[in-house]
Amino acid sequence: MYGDHLVLCGMVWAQFGETNAGMELVRALDSSDEAVRVLARILLQRTNGGSKELLGEALMMDEISVSTASLCGFEPGEEWEIKSLGTAPWTASAEA
């Protein structure tokens, strides 16, 4: 049942940029269930660019570790800006 919830969070994050849905995916990266971790990582990776900012924000709030963020393609050394994640529009990838 939790997998269904994550998929819905992934859809809401990808389509509407809802921060709470994205953070639910981020928290799932530390799940004890490997399948949940993999699903969360896939859903975060399918969002064009938006997940990097979300992961950066999660790192600043100590929600996840740098090693966990790097599994999702987040590179701490690359140039990017952390923006306030509010109601800014996000776009879904063509694969979603």
Protein backbone atom coordinates (compact mmCIF):
# COMPACT_ATOMS: atom_id res chain seq x y z
CA MET A 1 0.00 0.00 0.00
CA TYR A 2 2.86 2.42 0.76
CA GLY A 3 4.15 2.00 -2.80
CA ASP A 4 0.83 3.31 -4.11
CA HIS A 5 1.15 6.31 -1.82
CA LEU A 6 4.67 7.01 -3.11
CA VAL A 7 3.54 6.81 -6.73
CA LEU A 8 0.79 9.34 -6.00
CA CYS A 9 3.32 11.58 -4.24
CA GLY A 10 5.57 11.26 -7.29
CA MET A 11 2.76 12.32 -9.58
CA VAL A 12 1.84 15.31 -7.42
CA TRP A 13 5.50 16.33 -7.12
CA ALA A 14 6.11 16.01 -10.88
CA GLN A 15 2.91 17.72 -12.00
CA PHE A 16 2.41 20.42 -9.38
CA GLY A 17 5.70 20.80 -7.52
CA GLU A 18 3.97 20.21 -4.19
CA THR A 19 6.83 20.32 -1.69
CA ASN A 20 5.14 18.03 0.85
CA ALA A 21 4.78 15.32 -1.78
CA GLY A 22 8.41 15.71 -2.79
CA MET A 23 9.59 15.57 0.80
CA GLU A 24 7.63 12.35 1.29
CA LEU A 25 9.72 10.89 -1.54
CA VAL A 26 12.89 12.23 0.07
CA ARG A 27 11.99 10.65 3.42
CA ALA A 28 11.33 7.35 1.67
CA LEU A 29 14.97 7.32 0.52
CA ASP A 30 15.90 6.28 4.07
CA SER A 31 13.32 3.50 4.32
CA SER A 32 14.39 0.13 5.65
CA ASP A 33 12.59 -1.44 2.66
CA GLU A 34 14.87 -1.55 -0.38
CA ALA A 35 11.96 -1.55 -2.83
CA VAL A 36 10.61 1.66 -1.27
CA ARG A 37 14.04 3.32 -1.53
CA VAL A 38 14.38 2.35 -5.19
CA LEU A 39 10.86 3.53 -6.03
CA ALA A 40 11.44 6.88 -4.31
CA ARG A 41 14.74 7.37 -6.15
CA ILE A 42 13.15 6.58 -9.52
CA LEU A 43 10.27 8.99 -8.90
CA LEU A 44 12.65 11.78 -7.86
CA GLN A 45 14.90 11.20 -10.88
CA ARG A 46 11.99 11.49 -13.31
CA THR A 47 11.36 15.14 -12.45
CA ASN A 48 13.30 17.54 -14.66
CA GLY A 49 15.61 19.57 -12.44
CA GLY A 50 13.13 20.15 -9.62
CA SER A 51 14.33 17.26 -7.53
CA LYS A 52 17.88 18.62 -7.33
CA GLU A 53 16.57 21.73 -5.61
CA LEU A 54 14.39 19.59 -3.36
CA LEU A 55 17.36 17.39 -2.46
CA GLY A 56 19.46 20.46 -1.74
CA GLU A 57 16.75 21.79 0.53
CA ALA A 58 16.48 18.39 2.26
CA LEU A 59 20.26 18.38 2.81
CA MET A 60 20.11 21.83 4.39
CA MET A 61 17.35 20.64 6.73
CA ASP A 62 19.31 17.44 7.56
CA GLU A 63 16.50 15.27 6.18
CA ILE A 64 18.98 13.16 4.19
CA SER A 65 22.71 12.58 3.95
CA VAL A 66 24.97 13.64 1.08
CA SER A 67 25.50 9.98 0.15
CA THR A 68 21.74 9.40 -0.09
CA ALA A 69 21.30 12.54 -2.20
CA SER A 70 24.12 11.47 -4.52
CA LEU A 71 22.22 8.24 -5.29
CA CYS A 72 19.58 10.46 -6.91
CA GLY A 73 22.05 12.29 -9.10
CA PHE A 74 22.61 15.21 -6.75
CA GLU A 75 26.19 16.43 -7.01
CA PRO A 76 27.15 18.77 -4.16
CA GLY A 77 30.01 20.27 -6.19
CA GLU A 78 27.94 21.38 -9.19
CA GLU A 79 26.68 24.93 -9.48
CA TRP A 80 23.06 25.37 -8.50
CA GLU A 81 21.00 27.60 -6.28
CA ILE A 82 18.68 26.55 -3.53
CA LYS A 83 15.45 28.38 -4.05
CA SER A 84 12.54 28.54 -1.72
CA LEU A 85 10.31 25.64 -2.66
CA GLY A 86 6.84 27.10 -2.53
CA THR A 87 4.23 27.06 -5.19
CA ALA A 88 6.56 27.52 -8.16
CA PRO A 89 5.43 25.57 -11.24
CA TRP A 90 7.34 22.42 -12.12
CA THR A 91 7.22 20.37 -15.27
CA ALA A 92 7.05 16.62 -15.55
CA SER A 93 9.47 14.74 -17.70
CA ALA A 94 8.33 13.30 -21.01
CA GLU A 95 8.78 9.82 -19.53
CA ALA A 96 6.23 10.36 -16.76
